Amino acid sequence: MNFQKVQRKNRKAISPVLATVILIAITLIAAVAIAGFVFGLFGSFTSTAQVQASVTSCNFVSIAVGEQCSLVLTNSGNANTLATSSCSITTKGATTTGAYAFAAPSASLTVPSGGTAYGTCTAVIADPGAGVQVTGSVILGNGGNALFSGSSSN
């Protein structure tokens, strides 16, 4: 048998060690990126408002006015939001839609990021009596609700 030298083209390639290192680096970068999004390591990329309502007082004013709850809206989120003029009050299992009005010093529909706003939710209901649980919500401009809970003082 006559063995002839087979001429090969002069091709260069990366070494197997370098190829392995590159594949491991790509795999690690992909794993960190996926873990960051799945486990929330990168945080949120959207601005959100997180509004809580706390009751200062709830009083039955009169038959014509009804129950009036003074509220403090606190926004701990990183975006401003609006509070609409709608709210509801529930006493003794009955829910009544009412009106929300801002009070000084805020007197604005905006609940600022990291700030507070003051107002009252008023709904025409019968006198619930002293110590009765009063719950309700203020409807926010972003479609959410700021829930509150307290007790009637009269």
N, C-alpha and C. Protein backbone atom coordinates (compact mmCIF):
# COMPACT_ATOMS: atom_id res chain seq x y z
N MET A 1 0.83 -1.16 0.00
CA MET A 1 0.00 0.00 0.00
C MET A 1 0.88 1.24 0.00
N ASN A 2 0.41 2.13 -0.74
CA ASN A 2 1.15 3.36 -0.87
C ASN A 2 0.41 4.45 -0.09
N PHE A 3 1.02 4.89 0.95
CA PHE A 3 0.41 5.95 1.75
C PHE A 3 0.90 7.29 1.25
N GLN A 4 -0.01 8.07 0.88
CA GLN A 4 0.36 9.40 0.43
C GLN A 4 -0.07 10.41 1.48
N LYS A 5 0.70 11.44 1.54
CA LYS A 5 0.34 12.50 2.48
C LYS A 5 -0.85 13.25 1.93
N VAL A 6 -1.82 13.37 2.75
CA VAL A 6 -2.99 14.13 2.36
C VAL A 6 -2.75 15.57 2.81
N GLN A 7 -2.85 16.45 1.87
CA GLN A 7 -2.64 17.83 2.22
C GLN A 7 -3.92 18.41 2.78
N ARG A 8 -3.78 19.05 3.88
CA ARG A 8 -4.92 19.67 4.53
C ARG A 8 -4.77 21.18 4.42
N LYS A 9 -5.90 21.82 4.40
CA LYS A 9 -5.86 23.26 4.39
C LYS A 9 -5.39 23.73 5.76
N ASN A 10 -4.75 24.83 5.79
CA ASN A 10 -4.21 25.36 7.03
C ASN A 10 -5.34 26.08 7.77
N ARG A 11 -6.05 25.38 8.64
CA ARG A 11 -7.13 25.95 9.44
C ARG A 11 -6.69 26.09 10.88
N LYS A 12 -7.18 27.17 11.51
CA LYS A 12 -6.87 27.36 12.92
C LYS A 12 -8.18 27.31 13.70
N ALA A 13 -8.16 26.77 14.87
CA ALA A 13 -9.33 26.67 15.73
C ALA A 13 -8.90 27.01 17.15
N ILE A 14 -9.90 27.28 17.99
CA ILE A 14 -9.55 27.54 19.38
C ILE A 14 -9.30 26.22 20.07
N SER A 15 -8.54 26.29 21.12
CA SER A 15 -8.22 25.05 21.82
C SER A 15 -9.44 24.55 22.59
N PRO A 16 -9.52 23.28 22.84
CA PRO A 16 -10.64 22.72 23.60
C PRO A 16 -10.75 23.31 25.00
N VAL A 17 -9.66 23.67 25.62
CA VAL A 17 -9.69 24.25 26.96
C VAL A 17 -10.34 25.63 26.92
N LEU A 18 -9.96 26.43 25.93
CA LEU A 18 -10.55 27.77 25.80
C LEU A 18 -12.05 27.66 25.47
N ALA A 19 -12.43 26.73 24.64
CA ALA A 19 -13.84 26.52 24.31
C ALA A 19 -14.64 26.14 25.56
N THR A 20 -14.09 25.30 26.39
CA THR A 20 -14.76 24.89 27.62
C THR A 20 -14.93 26.07 28.57
N VAL A 21 -13.93 26.90 28.71
CA VAL A 21 -14.01 28.07 29.59
C VAL A 21 -15.09 29.04 29.09
N ILE A 22 -15.16 29.25 27.79
CA ILE A 22 -16.18 30.14 27.23
C ILE A 22 -17.58 29.59 27.47
N LEU A 23 -17.79 28.31 27.27
CA LEU A 23 -19.11 27.70 27.51
C LEU A 23 -19.52 27.80 28.97
N ILE A 24 -18.59 27.59 29.88
CA ILE A 24 -18.91 27.70 31.31
C ILE A 24 -19.26 29.14 31.66
N ALA A 25 -18.53 30.12 31.12
CA ALA A 25 -18.82 31.52 31.40
C ALA A 25 -20.21 31.91 30.90
N ILE A 26 -20.57 31.48 29.70
CA ILE A 26 -21.90 31.78 29.15
C ILE A 26 -22.99 31.15 30.01
N THR A 27 -22.78 29.93 30.46
CA THR A 27 -23.76 29.24 31.30
C THR A 27 -23.94 29.96 32.64
N LEU A 28 -22.84 30.40 33.25
CA LEU A 28 -22.94 31.11 34.53
C LEU A 28 -23.66 32.45 34.37
N ILE A 29 -23.36 33.18 33.32
CA ILE A 29 -24.04 34.47 33.09
C ILE A 29 -25.54 34.26 32.89
N ALA A 30 -25.92 33.27 32.11
CA ALA A 30 -27.34 32.98 31.90
C ALA A 30 -28.02 32.56 33.20
N ALA A 31 -27.35 31.75 34.03
CA ALA A 31 -27.93 31.31 35.30
C ALA A 31 -28.15 32.48 36.25
N VAL A 32 -27.20 33.40 36.32
CA VAL A 32 -27.34 34.57 37.19
C VAL A 32 -28.48 35.46 36.71
N ALA A 33 -28.59 35.66 35.40
CA ALA A 33 -29.66 36.50 34.86
C ALA A 33 -31.03 35.90 35.14
N ILE A 34 -31.18 34.61 34.93
CA ILE A 34 -32.47 33.94 35.18
C ILE A 34 -32.80 33.97 36.67
N ALA A 35 -31.84 33.67 37.51
CA ALA A 35 -32.07 33.69 38.97
C ALA A 35 -32.43 35.09 39.44
N GLY A 36 -31.82 36.11 38.86
CA GLY A 36 -32.12 37.48 39.25
C GLY A 36 -33.57 37.85 38.99
N PHE A 37 -34.09 37.45 37.85
CA PHE A 37 -35.48 37.77 37.54
C PHE A 37 -36.46 36.87 38.30
N VAL A 38 -36.14 35.60 38.45
CA VAL A 38 -37.05 34.68 39.14
C VAL A 38 -37.16 35.01 40.62
N PHE A 39 -36.03 35.30 41.26
CA PHE A 39 -36.03 35.53 42.70
C PHE A 39 -36.06 37.01 43.06
N GLY A 40 -36.22 37.89 42.08
CA GLY A 40 -36.35 39.31 42.35
C GLY A 40 -35.09 39.99 42.83
N LEU A 41 -33.94 39.47 42.48
CA LEU A 41 -32.69 40.07 42.94
C LEU A 41 -32.42 41.42 42.29
N PHE A 42 -32.99 41.65 41.12
CA PHE A 42 -32.74 42.90 40.41
C PHE A 42 -33.73 43.97 40.77
N GLY A 43 -34.71 43.68 41.60
CA GLY A 43 -35.71 44.66 42.00
C GLY A 43 -36.75 44.86 40.92
N SER A 44 -37.58 45.82 41.15
CA SER A 44 -38.67 46.11 40.23
C SER A 44 -38.28 47.25 39.31
N PHE A 45 -38.62 47.10 38.04
CA PHE A 45 -38.29 48.13 37.08
C PHE A 45 -39.47 49.05 36.83
N THR A 46 -40.56 48.86 37.54
CA THR A 46 -41.73 49.70 37.35
C THR A 46 -41.97 50.54 38.60
N SER A 47 -42.60 51.66 38.38
CA SER A 47 -42.96 52.53 39.49
C SER A 47 -44.35 52.14 39.97
N THR A 48 -44.51 51.97 41.26
CA THR A 48 -45.81 51.61 41.80
C THR A 48 -46.14 52.47 43.01
N ALA A 49 -47.42 52.68 43.18
CA ALA A 49 -47.90 53.38 44.37
C ALA A 49 -48.43 52.33 45.35
N GLN A 50 -48.09 52.46 46.60
CA GLN A 50 -48.57 51.55 47.64
C GLN A 50 -49.21 52.41 48.72
N VAL A 51 -50.54 52.52 48.64
CA VAL A 51 -51.26 53.43 49.52
C VAL A 51 -51.99 52.66 50.61
N GLN A 52 -51.79 53.08 51.86
CA GLN A 52 -52.53 52.54 52.99
C GLN A 52 -53.35 53.67 53.60
N ALA A 53 -54.52 53.32 54.09
CA ALA A 53 -55.39 54.31 54.74
C ALA A 53 -55.49 53.97 56.21
N SER A 54 -55.33 54.97 57.05
CA SER A 54 -55.53 54.77 58.49
C SER A 54 -56.59 55.75 58.97
N VAL A 55 -57.40 55.28 59.90
CA VAL A 55 -58.54 56.05 60.41
C VAL A 55 -58.09 56.92 61.57
N THR A 56 -58.40 58.20 61.48
CA THR A 56 -58.19 59.11 62.61
C THR A 56 -59.40 59.06 63.53
N SER A 57 -60.60 59.14 62.93
CA SER A 57 -61.83 59.04 63.71
C SER A 57 -62.99 58.74 62.77
N CYS A 58 -64.04 58.12 63.32
CA CYS A 58 -65.29 57.90 62.61
C CYS A 58 -66.42 58.38 63.51
N ASN A 59 -67.24 59.28 63.00
CA ASN A 59 -68.34 59.85 63.78
C ASN A 59 -69.62 59.83 62.96
N PHE A 60 -70.74 59.59 63.65
CA PHE A 60 -72.03 59.79 63.01
C PHE A 60 -72.38 61.25 63.20
N VAL A 61 -72.52 62.00 62.09
CA VAL A 61 -72.75 63.44 62.17
C VAL A 61 -74.23 63.75 62.32
N SER A 62 -75.04 63.29 61.38
CA SER A 62 -76.48 63.52 61.42
C SER A 62 -77.14 62.57 60.42
N ILE A 63 -78.45 62.52 60.43
CA ILE A 63 -79.16 61.66 59.48
C ILE A 63 -78.89 62.11 58.05
N ALA A 64 -78.79 63.41 57.81
CA ALA A 64 -78.56 63.93 56.46
C ALA A 64 -77.13 63.68 55.98
N VAL A 65 -76.17 63.75 56.90
CA VAL A 65 -74.76 63.59 56.53
C VAL A 65 -74.33 62.14 56.64
N GLY A 66 -74.71 61.47 57.70
CA GLY A 66 -74.35 60.07 57.91
C GLY A 66 -73.04 59.92 58.65
N GLU A 67 -72.34 58.82 58.39
CA GLU A 67 -71.07 58.50 59.04
C GLU A 67 -69.94 59.20 58.29
N GLN A 68 -69.03 59.78 59.06
CA GLN A 68 -67.90 60.49 58.47
C GLN A 68 -66.62 59.98 59.11
N CYS A 69 -65.73 59.41 58.28
CA CYS A 69 -64.46 58.89 58.78
C CYS A 69 -63.33 59.77 58.28
N SER A 70 -62.55 60.29 59.21
CA SER A 70 -61.36 61.07 58.85
C SER A 70 -60.21 60.10 58.62
N LEU A 71 -59.52 60.27 57.49
CA LEU A 71 -58.49 59.32 57.08
C LEU A 71 -57.17 60.00 56.79
N VAL A 72 -56.10 59.22 56.91
CA VAL A 72 -54.78 59.63 56.46
C VAL A 72 -54.35 58.58 55.43
N LEU A 73 -54.09 59.04 54.19
CA LEU A 73 -53.61 58.15 53.14
C LEU A 73 -52.09 58.29 53.06
N THR A 74 -51.38 57.17 53.21
CA THR A 74 -49.92 57.17 53.19
C THR A 74 -49.44 56.35 52.00
N ASN A 75 -48.62 56.97 51.15
CA ASN A 75 -48.10 56.30 49.96
C ASN A 75 -46.64 55.93 50.21
N SER A 76 -46.38 54.64 50.41
CA SER A 76 -45.00 54.18 50.64
C SER A 76 -44.36 53.68 49.36
N GLY A 77 -45.04 53.83 48.23
CA GLY A 77 -44.49 53.40 46.94
C GLY A 77 -43.56 54.43 46.34
N ASN A 78 -43.14 54.17 45.10
CA ASN A 78 -42.20 55.07 44.44
C ASN A 78 -42.85 55.81 43.26
N ALA A 79 -44.18 55.95 43.30
CA ALA A 79 -44.89 56.71 42.27
C ALA A 79 -46.07 57.44 42.89
N ASN A 80 -46.35 58.62 42.38
CA ASN A 80 -47.53 59.36 42.83
C ASN A 80 -48.79 58.64 42.34
N THR A 81 -49.89 58.83 43.03
CA THR A 81 -51.17 58.30 42.57
C THR A 81 -52.26 59.30 42.92
N LEU A 82 -53.40 59.11 42.31
CA LEU A 82 -54.54 59.97 42.58
C LEU A 82 -55.55 59.21 43.42
N ALA A 83 -56.24 59.92 44.29
CA ALA A 83 -57.38 59.35 45.02
C ALA A 83 -58.62 59.97 44.39
N THR A 84 -59.56 59.13 44.03
CA THR A 84 -60.78 59.65 43.42
C THR A 84 -61.68 60.19 44.51
N SER A 85 -62.81 60.74 44.11
CA SER A 85 -63.74 61.28 45.11
C SER A 85 -64.75 60.22 45.55
N SER A 86 -64.46 58.94 45.26
CA SER A 86 -65.36 57.85 45.64
C SER A 86 -64.79 57.03 46.78
N CYS A 87 -65.68 56.65 47.69
CA CYS A 87 -65.29 55.78 48.79
C CYS A 87 -66.52 54.98 49.20
N SER A 88 -66.32 54.05 50.10
CA SER A 88 -67.45 53.29 50.64
C SER A 88 -67.22 53.03 52.11
N ILE A 89 -68.32 52.90 52.85
CA ILE A 89 -68.27 52.60 54.28
C ILE A 89 -69.20 51.42 54.53
N THR A 90 -68.71 50.47 55.33
CA THR A 90 -69.50 49.30 55.69
C THR A 90 -69.65 49.26 57.21
N THR A 91 -70.91 49.18 57.67
CA THR A 91 -71.20 48.98 59.09
C THR A 91 -72.30 47.95 59.19
N LYS A 92 -72.19 47.07 60.15
CA LYS A 92 -73.20 46.04 60.42
C LYS A 92 -73.58 45.28 59.15
N GLY A 93 -72.58 45.02 58.28
CA GLY A 93 -72.80 44.22 57.08
C GLY A 93 -73.38 44.97 55.90
N ALA A 94 -73.70 46.22 56.05
CA ALA A 94 -74.27 47.00 54.95
C ALA A 94 -73.22 47.98 54.43
N THR A 95 -73.02 47.96 53.10
CA THR A 95 -72.05 48.85 52.47
C THR A 95 -72.77 49.97 51.75
N THR A 96 -72.29 51.20 51.96
CA THR A 96 -72.87 52.37 51.31
C THR A 96 -71.76 53.14 50.61
N THR A 97 -72.00 53.50 49.36
CA THR A 97 -71.04 54.31 48.61
C THR A 97 -71.16 55.75 49.06
N GLY A 98 -70.03 56.40 49.20
CA GLY A 98 -70.04 57.78 49.66
C GLY A 98 -69.07 58.63 48.87
N ALA A 99 -68.75 59.76 49.41
CA ALA A 99 -67.85 60.71 48.75
C ALA A 99 -66.61 60.91 49.59
N TYR A 100 -65.47 60.97 48.92
CA TYR A 100 -64.21 61.23 49.60
C TYR A 100 -63.80 62.65 49.27
N ALA A 101 -63.46 63.41 50.28
CA ALA A 101 -63.03 64.80 50.09
C ALA A 101 -61.72 65.02 50.82
N PHE A 102 -60.79 65.68 50.17
CA PHE A 102 -59.50 65.97 50.80
C PHE A 102 -59.63 67.12 51.78
N ALA A 103 -58.79 67.09 52.78
CA ALA A 103 -58.79 68.14 53.80
C ALA A 103 -57.40 68.78 53.86
N ALA A 104 -57.31 69.93 54.49
CA ALA A 104 -56.02 70.60 54.68
C ALA A 104 -55.14 69.70 55.55
N PRO A 105 -53.85 69.67 55.41
CA PRO A 105 -53.04 70.56 54.58
C PRO A 105 -52.85 70.07 53.15
N SER A 106 -53.28 68.88 52.78
CA SER A 106 -52.99 68.40 51.43
C SER A 106 -53.91 69.03 50.39
N ALA A 107 -55.23 68.94 50.59
CA ALA A 107 -56.23 69.53 49.71
C ALA A 107 -55.93 69.29 48.24
N SER A 108 -55.44 68.11 47.91
CA SER A 108 -55.10 67.77 46.54
C SER A 108 -55.49 66.34 46.26
N LEU A 109 -55.80 66.04 45.01
CA LEU A 109 -56.15 64.67 44.65
C LEU A 109 -54.93 63.76 44.59
N THR A 110 -53.74 64.33 44.56
CA THR A 110 -52.52 63.53 44.45
C THR A 110 -52.06 63.05 45.82
N VAL A 111 -51.76 61.75 45.90
CA VAL A 111 -51.11 61.19 47.08
C VAL A 111 -49.66 60.99 46.65
N PRO A 112 -48.75 61.86 47.10
CA PRO A 112 -47.39 61.85 46.56
C PRO A 112 -46.59 60.63 47.02
N SER A 113 -45.62 60.26 46.21
CA SER A 113 -44.71 59.18 46.55
C SER A 113 -43.99 59.50 47.85
N GLY A 114 -44.07 58.60 48.82
CA GLY A 114 -43.44 58.81 50.12
C GLY A 114 -44.13 59.84 50.98
N GLY A 115 -45.33 60.26 50.61
CA GLY A 115 -46.02 61.31 51.35
C GLY A 115 -47.38 60.88 51.86
N THR A 116 -48.11 61.84 52.41
CA THR A 116 -49.43 61.57 52.96
C THR A 116 -50.44 62.58 52.43
N ALA A 117 -51.70 62.20 52.51
CA ALA A 117 -52.81 63.09 52.17
C ALA A 117 -53.91 62.85 53.19
N TYR A 118 -54.64 63.89 53.51
CA TYR A 118 -55.67 63.82 54.53
C TYR A 118 -57.03 64.06 53.90
N GLY A 119 -58.05 63.37 54.42
CA GLY A 119 -59.39 63.58 53.89
C GLY A 119 -60.44 62.89 54.72
N THR A 120 -61.69 62.97 54.24
CA THR A 120 -62.80 62.34 54.93
C THR A 120 -63.65 61.56 53.93
N CYS A 121 -64.11 60.42 54.37
CA CYS A 121 -65.05 59.61 53.61
C CYS A 121 -66.39 59.76 54.31
N THR A 122 -67.40 60.21 53.57
CA THR A 122 -68.72 60.43 54.15
C THR A 122 -69.74 59.62 53.39
N ALA A 123 -70.54 58.84 54.10
CA ALA A 123 -71.59 58.04 53.50
C ALA A 123 -72.85 58.17 54.34
N VAL A 124 -73.97 58.33 53.67
CA VAL A 124 -75.25 58.50 54.37
C VAL A 124 -75.73 57.11 54.82
N ILE A 125 -75.60 56.86 56.13
CA ILE A 125 -76.05 55.60 56.72
C ILE A 125 -76.73 55.94 58.05
N ALA A 126 -77.43 54.96 58.58
CA ALA A 126 -78.07 55.14 59.89
C ALA A 126 -76.98 55.13 60.97
N ASP A 127 -77.28 55.71 62.10
CA ASP A 127 -76.33 55.77 63.21
C ASP A 127 -75.95 54.35 63.62
N PRO A 128 -74.69 53.95 63.46
CA PRO A 128 -74.30 52.59 63.83
C PRO A 128 -74.18 52.40 65.33
N GLY A 129 -74.04 53.48 66.09
CA GLY A 129 -73.85 53.38 67.52
C GLY A 129 -72.38 53.38 67.87
N ALA A 130 -72.09 53.65 69.12
CA ALA A 130 -70.70 53.75 69.57
C ALA A 130 -70.04 52.38 69.59
N GLY A 131 -68.77 52.35 69.20
CA GLY A 131 -67.97 51.12 69.27
C GLY A 131 -68.22 50.12 68.17
N VAL A 132 -69.09 50.44 67.21
CA VAL A 132 -69.38 49.52 66.11
C VAL A 132 -68.24 49.58 65.09
N GLN A 133 -67.84 48.42 64.60
CA GLN A 133 -66.76 48.33 63.61
C GLN A 133 -67.19 49.00 62.31
N VAL A 134 -66.32 49.87 61.79
CA VAL A 134 -66.55 50.57 60.53
C VAL A 134 -65.39 50.23 59.60
N THR A 135 -65.68 49.71 58.42
CA THR A 135 -64.64 49.44 57.42
C THR A 135 -65.00 50.16 56.15
N GLY A 136 -64.05 50.28 55.28
CA GLY A 136 -64.34 50.94 54.01
C GLY A 136 -63.12 51.00 53.12
N SER A 137 -63.27 51.73 52.03
CA SER A 137 -62.17 51.88 51.10
C SER A 137 -62.30 53.18 50.34
N VAL A 138 -61.15 53.70 49.92
CA VAL A 138 -61.07 54.86 49.05
C VAL A 138 -60.57 54.34 47.71
N ILE A 139 -61.25 54.69 46.64
CA ILE A 139 -60.88 54.22 45.31
C ILE A 139 -59.77 55.12 44.77
N LEU A 140 -58.68 54.48 44.31
CA LEU A 140 -57.53 55.22 43.80
C LEU A 140 -57.60 55.35 42.29
N GLY A 141 -56.89 56.31 41.76
CA GLY A 141 -56.88 56.56 40.33
C GLY A 141 -56.27 55.44 39.51
N ASN A 142 -55.41 54.60 40.11
CA ASN A 142 -54.79 53.50 39.38
C ASN A 142 -55.64 52.24 39.41
N GLY A 143 -56.88 52.35 39.93
CA GLY A 143 -57.78 51.20 39.97
C GLY A 143 -57.74 50.43 41.28
N GLY A 144 -56.80 50.75 42.15
CA GLY A 144 -56.70 50.05 43.43
C GLY A 144 -57.60 50.67 44.48
N ASN A 145 -57.62 50.05 45.64
CA ASN A 145 -58.40 50.53 46.78
C ASN A 145 -57.48 50.68 47.99
N ALA A 146 -57.66 51.74 48.73
CA ALA A 146 -56.99 51.90 50.01
C ALA A 146 -58.02 51.55 51.08
N LEU A 147 -57.82 50.40 51.74
CA LEU A 147 -58.78 49.91 52.73
C LEU A 147 -58.52 50.56 54.08
N PHE A 148 -59.60 50.77 54.84
CA PHE A 148 -59.46 51.29 56.19
C PHE A 148 -60.42 50.58 57.13
N SER A 149 -60.10 50.67 58.41
CA SER A 149 -60.92 50.02 59.43
C SER A 149 -60.82 50.82 60.73
N GLY A 150 -61.93 50.98 61.40
CA GLY A 150 -61.96 51.70 62.68
C GLY A 150 -63.25 51.40 63.39
N SER A 151 -63.55 52.18 64.40
CA SER A 151 -64.81 52.00 65.11
C SER A 151 -65.48 53.35 65.30
N SER A 152 -66.80 53.30 65.27
CA SER A 152 -67.59 54.53 65.41
C SER A 152 -67.47 55.01 66.84
N SER A 153 -67.31 56.34 66.99
CA SER A 153 -67.11 56.87 68.34
C SER A 153 -68.42 57.34 68.98
N ASN A 154 -69.54 57.29 68.26
CA ASN A 154 -70.80 57.67 68.91
C ASN A 154 -71.93 56.81 68.40
